[in-house]
């Protein structure tokens, strides 16, 4: 989708953004967008670290066992009782 954007299209988009928001507000918007991305990245890393550090709970273990059992069950087992 983005591979079809050429230089004229990108320049037009930037021109529209400058006209809509004004040249004075763009640095502030870019700064706040960058801060938001940094916060999102750090929170994502923290969540991944927390998930890796936690031992599996009994509920998670049971859910994992049910999921693995359902993957190994033949489809005929589900349809045979409905006939």
N, C-alpha and C. Protein backbone atom coordinates (compact mmCIF):
# COMPACT_ATOMS: atom_id res chain seq x y z
N UNK A 1 0.81 -1.18 0.00
CA UNK A 1 0.00 0.00 0.00
C UNK A 1 0.86 1.25 0.00
N UNK A 2 1.86 1.32 0.88
CA UNK A 2 2.70 2.50 0.93
C UNK A 2 3.76 2.51 -0.16
N UNK A 3 3.96 1.39 -0.82
CA UNK A 3 4.93 1.32 -1.89
C UNK A 3 4.53 2.14 -3.10
N UNK A 4 3.26 2.49 -3.21
CA UNK A 4 2.78 3.25 -4.36
C UNK A 4 2.88 4.76 -4.14
N UNK A 5 3.26 5.20 -2.96
CA UNK A 5 3.40 6.62 -2.70
C UNK A 5 4.73 7.10 -3.27
N UNK A 6 4.66 8.07 -4.14
CA UNK A 6 5.87 8.65 -4.70
C UNK A 6 6.19 9.96 -4.02
N UNK A 7 7.23 10.62 -4.51
CA UNK A 7 7.65 11.89 -3.93
C UNK A 7 6.56 12.96 -4.04
N UNK A 8 5.87 13.09 -5.18
CA UNK A 8 4.82 14.13 -5.23
C UNK A 8 3.69 13.91 -4.22
N UNK A 9 3.31 12.66 -3.99
CA UNK A 9 2.25 12.38 -3.04
C UNK A 9 2.68 12.71 -1.61
N UNK A 10 3.91 12.37 -1.28
CA UNK A 10 4.42 12.64 0.07
C UNK A 10 4.53 14.15 0.30
N UNK A 11 5.00 14.88 -0.71
CA UNK A 11 5.10 16.34 -0.59
C UNK A 11 3.71 16.95 -0.42
N UNK A 12 2.74 16.45 -1.14
CA UNK A 12 1.36 16.95 -1.02
C UNK A 12 0.80 16.69 0.37
N UNK A 13 1.05 15.51 0.91
CA UNK A 13 0.58 15.17 2.26
C UNK A 13 1.23 16.08 3.30
N UNK A 14 2.54 16.30 3.17
CA UNK A 14 3.23 17.18 4.10
C UNK A 14 2.72 18.61 4.01
N UNK A 15 2.44 19.08 2.80
CA UNK A 15 1.91 20.42 2.61
C UNK A 15 0.54 20.57 3.27
N UNK A 16 -0.30 19.57 3.13
CA UNK A 16 -1.63 19.61 3.75
C UNK A 16 -1.51 19.61 5.28
N UNK A 17 -0.59 18.82 5.81
CA UNK A 17 -0.39 18.78 7.26
C UNK A 17 0.08 20.14 7.77
N UNK A 18 1.01 20.77 7.06
CA UNK A 18 1.49 22.09 7.47
C UNK A 18 0.37 23.11 7.41
N UNK A 19 -0.45 23.04 6.37
CA UNK A 19 -1.57 23.98 6.26
C UNK A 19 -2.61 23.76 7.36
N UNK A 20 -2.87 22.51 7.72
CA UNK A 20 -3.88 22.22 8.74
C UNK A 20 -3.43 22.63 10.14
N UNK A 21 -2.20 22.28 10.50
CA UNK A 21 -1.75 22.47 11.87
C UNK A 21 -0.87 23.69 12.06
N UNK A 22 -0.28 24.20 11.03
CA UNK A 22 0.61 25.34 11.15
C UNK A 22 2.03 24.90 11.45
N UNK A 23 2.97 25.67 10.93
CA UNK A 23 4.38 25.31 11.08
C UNK A 23 4.86 25.42 12.52
N UNK A 24 4.22 26.26 13.32
CA UNK A 24 4.66 26.44 14.71
C UNK A 24 4.28 25.26 15.59
N UNK A 25 3.19 24.59 15.28
CA UNK A 25 2.72 23.48 16.12
C UNK A 25 3.34 22.14 15.74
N UNK A 26 3.90 22.02 14.55
CA UNK A 26 4.44 20.73 14.10
C UNK A 26 5.57 20.21 14.98
N UNK A 27 6.55 21.02 15.40
CA UNK A 27 7.60 20.47 16.29
C UNK A 27 7.04 19.95 17.61
N UNK A 28 6.05 20.65 18.17
CA UNK A 28 5.44 20.18 19.42
C UNK A 28 4.70 18.87 19.21
N UNK A 29 3.99 18.77 18.09
CA UNK A 29 3.28 17.53 17.79
C UNK A 29 4.24 16.38 17.59
N UNK A 30 5.33 16.62 16.87
CA UNK A 30 6.32 15.57 16.64
C UNK A 30 6.97 15.14 17.95
N UNK A 31 7.24 16.10 18.83
CA UNK A 31 7.86 15.80 20.11
C UNK A 31 6.92 14.94 20.97
N UNK A 32 5.65 15.32 21.03
CA UNK A 32 4.71 14.54 21.83
C UNK A 32 4.48 13.15 21.23
N UNK A 33 4.48 13.06 19.90
CA UNK A 33 4.35 11.75 19.25
C UNK A 33 5.55 10.86 19.59
N UNK A 34 6.75 11.43 19.57
CA UNK A 34 7.95 10.67 19.93
C UNK A 34 7.92 10.21 21.37
N UNK A 35 7.47 11.08 22.27
CA UNK A 35 7.36 10.69 23.68
C UNK A 35 6.34 9.57 23.86
N UNK A 36 5.25 9.66 23.15
CA UNK A 36 4.24 8.60 23.23
C UNK A 36 4.78 7.28 22.74
N UNK A 37 5.54 7.30 21.65
CA UNK A 37 6.14 6.06 21.15
C UNK A 37 7.14 5.49 22.14
N UNK A 38 7.95 6.35 22.78
CA UNK A 38 8.90 5.87 23.78
C UNK A 38 8.18 5.24 24.96
N UNK A 39 7.11 5.85 25.42
CA UNK A 39 6.34 5.30 26.55
C UNK A 39 5.73 3.96 26.16
N UNK A 40 5.15 3.89 24.96
CA UNK A 40 4.55 2.64 24.49
C UNK A 40 5.60 1.54 24.40
N UNK A 41 6.77 1.87 23.89
CA UNK A 41 7.84 0.88 23.76
C UNK A 41 8.30 0.38 25.13
N UNK A 42 8.48 1.31 26.09
CA UNK A 42 8.93 0.88 27.41
C UNK A 42 7.87 0.06 28.13
N UNK A 43 6.60 0.42 27.97
CA UNK A 43 5.53 -0.35 28.60
C UNK A 43 5.42 -1.75 27.98
N UNK A 44 5.61 -1.83 26.67
CA UNK A 44 5.57 -3.13 26.00
C UNK A 44 6.69 -4.03 26.49
N UNK A 45 7.89 -3.46 26.62
CA UNK A 45 9.02 -4.23 27.14
C UNK A 45 8.77 -4.68 28.57
N UNK A 46 8.18 -3.80 29.39
CA UNK A 46 7.90 -4.15 30.78
C UNK A 46 6.88 -5.27 30.85
N UNK A 47 5.85 -5.22 30.01
CA UNK A 47 4.84 -6.28 30.01
C UNK A 47 5.44 -7.61 29.58
N UNK A 48 6.30 -7.59 28.56
CA UNK A 48 6.94 -8.82 28.10
C UNK A 48 7.85 -9.38 29.18
N UNK A 49 8.55 -8.50 29.90
CA UNK A 49 9.43 -8.95 30.97
C UNK A 49 8.61 -9.55 32.11
N UNK A 50 7.48 -8.91 32.45
CA UNK A 50 6.62 -9.44 33.51
C UNK A 50 6.06 -10.80 33.13
N UNK A 51 5.66 -10.96 31.87
CA UNK A 51 5.12 -12.24 31.43
C UNK A 51 6.18 -13.33 31.47
N UNK A 52 7.41 -12.98 31.13
CA UNK A 52 8.48 -13.96 31.13
C UNK A 52 8.90 -14.33 32.56
N UNK A 53 8.79 -13.40 33.49
CA UNK A 53 9.21 -13.65 34.87
C UNK A 53 8.18 -14.42 35.68
N UNK A 54 6.91 -14.33 35.31
CA UNK A 54 5.86 -14.98 36.10
C UNK A 54 5.83 -16.48 35.85
N UNK A 55 5.74 -17.26 36.92
CA UNK A 55 5.54 -18.69 36.71
C UNK A 55 4.11 -18.94 36.24
N UNK A 56 3.90 -19.98 35.48
CA UNK A 56 2.53 -20.24 35.00
C UNK A 56 1.61 -20.55 36.17
N UNK A 57 0.43 -19.99 36.14
CA UNK A 57 -0.55 -20.23 37.20
C UNK A 57 -1.32 -21.50 36.89
N UNK A 58 -2.10 -21.94 37.83
CA UNK A 58 -2.90 -23.15 37.62
C UNK A 58 -3.93 -22.92 36.53
N UNK A 59 -4.50 -21.72 36.48
CA UNK A 59 -5.50 -21.40 35.46
C UNK A 59 -4.86 -21.42 34.07
N UNK A 60 -3.66 -20.83 33.94
CA UNK A 60 -2.99 -20.79 32.65
C UNK A 60 -2.57 -22.19 32.22
N UNK A 61 -2.15 -23.00 33.17
CA UNK A 61 -1.75 -24.37 32.85
C UNK A 61 -2.95 -25.18 32.37
N UNK A 62 -4.08 -25.03 33.04
CA UNK A 62 -5.29 -25.75 32.64
C UNK A 62 -5.77 -25.30 31.27
N UNK A 63 -5.70 -24.00 31.00
CA UNK A 63 -6.11 -23.49 29.69
C UNK A 63 -5.18 -24.02 28.60
N UNK A 64 -3.90 -24.10 28.89
CA UNK A 64 -2.95 -24.63 27.92
C UNK A 64 -3.22 -26.11 27.65
N UNK A 65 -3.55 -26.86 28.69
CA UNK A 65 -3.84 -28.28 28.50
C UNK A 65 -5.10 -28.47 27.67
N UNK A 66 -6.14 -27.66 27.93
CA UNK A 66 -7.37 -27.76 27.15
C UNK A 66 -7.12 -27.41 25.69
N UNK A 67 -6.31 -26.40 25.45
CA UNK A 67 -6.02 -26.00 24.08
C UNK A 67 -5.25 -27.08 23.35
N UNK A 68 -4.30 -27.71 24.03
CA UNK A 68 -3.53 -28.76 23.37
C UNK A 68 -4.37 -30.00 23.13
N UNK A 69 -5.30 -30.31 24.02
CA UNK A 69 -6.19 -31.45 23.82
C UNK A 69 -7.13 -31.23 22.65
N UNK A 70 -7.64 -30.01 22.52
CA UNK A 70 -8.58 -29.74 21.44
C UNK A 70 -7.89 -29.77 20.09
N UNK A 71 -6.61 -29.45 20.04
CA UNK A 71 -5.88 -29.53 18.78
C UNK A 71 -5.66 -30.97 18.34
N UNK A 72 -5.57 -31.88 19.31
CA UNK A 72 -5.27 -33.27 18.99
C UNK A 72 -6.53 -34.12 18.82
N UNK A 73 -7.69 -33.57 19.06
CA UNK A 73 -8.94 -34.31 18.93
C UNK A 73 -9.37 -34.30 17.47
N UNK A 74 -9.80 -35.43 16.98
CA UNK A 74 -10.22 -35.55 15.58
C UNK A 74 -11.54 -34.81 15.37
N UNK A 75 -11.74 -34.22 14.23
CA UNK A 75 -12.99 -33.50 13.96
C UNK A 75 -14.21 -34.40 14.01
N UNK A 76 -14.05 -35.69 13.77
CA UNK A 76 -15.19 -36.60 13.79
C UNK A 76 -15.78 -36.71 15.19
N UNK A 77 -14.98 -36.49 16.20
CA UNK A 77 -15.46 -36.59 17.58
C UNK A 77 -16.49 -35.51 17.87
N UNK A 78 -16.38 -34.37 17.21
CA UNK A 78 -17.33 -33.28 17.42
C UNK A 78 -18.61 -33.49 16.65
N UNK A 79 -18.54 -34.11 15.48
CA UNK A 79 -19.73 -34.23 14.63
C UNK A 79 -20.48 -35.54 14.86
N UNK A 80 -19.86 -36.55 15.47
CA UNK A 80 -20.52 -37.83 15.60
C UNK A 80 -21.70 -37.77 16.59
N UNK A 81 -21.65 -36.95 17.60
CA UNK A 81 -22.74 -36.91 18.56
C UNK A 81 -23.92 -36.07 18.07
N UNK A 82 -23.76 -35.33 17.00
CA UNK A 82 -24.84 -34.50 16.48
C UNK A 82 -25.73 -35.26 15.49
N UNK A 83 -25.34 -36.39 15.03
CA UNK A 83 -26.10 -37.12 14.01
C UNK A 83 -27.24 -37.87 14.56
